[in-house]
Amino acid sequence: MELPVVVGQHVCERVTEDPVTGGFTLLNRSSILRSPEFPTELSFSVFGVFVDGFGTLAFRIEIEELSTGLVVHEFPAMVEFPDRLREIPFLLVLSDIVFWFPGGYDVSLTIEDEPTTKCKVHLLES
């Protein structure tokens, strides 16, 4: 099975969609998140676009603590591709996610158990 391609994966505070154009605006896109203390609860969004997919596929976002290599959070979802020509945006709004320690984290996207993309996020104590 040929897997879709992910065009850009971003972590940001919030994503808005223009009701007229259908375009997306990423607000406060950053690889650094801050908290005054740890453990902490953080909310953020993961956004990207799938292309060249077909059918219904399982995907998931994993958050891995880089210092230990442990997956500390996992968020499964499904995506349906009506045809190969359509771009399918994905948006996962993650609310009140507990992080026990500051440090580096990978936010990875896996499609049908195949790793596709990831981005790094650094949690800092402010």
Foldseek 3Di string as FASTA:
>chain_A
DDAWAKADKWKAADKDADPPPRDIDGHHTDQEDEDQDFQFFDKIKIKIKTAQDAAKWKKKKFKAAVVVRDGPDMGIDMDHDHDRHDIGMDMDIGGRDTDGDFAKIWTWMDINNHTHDIDMHGYYND
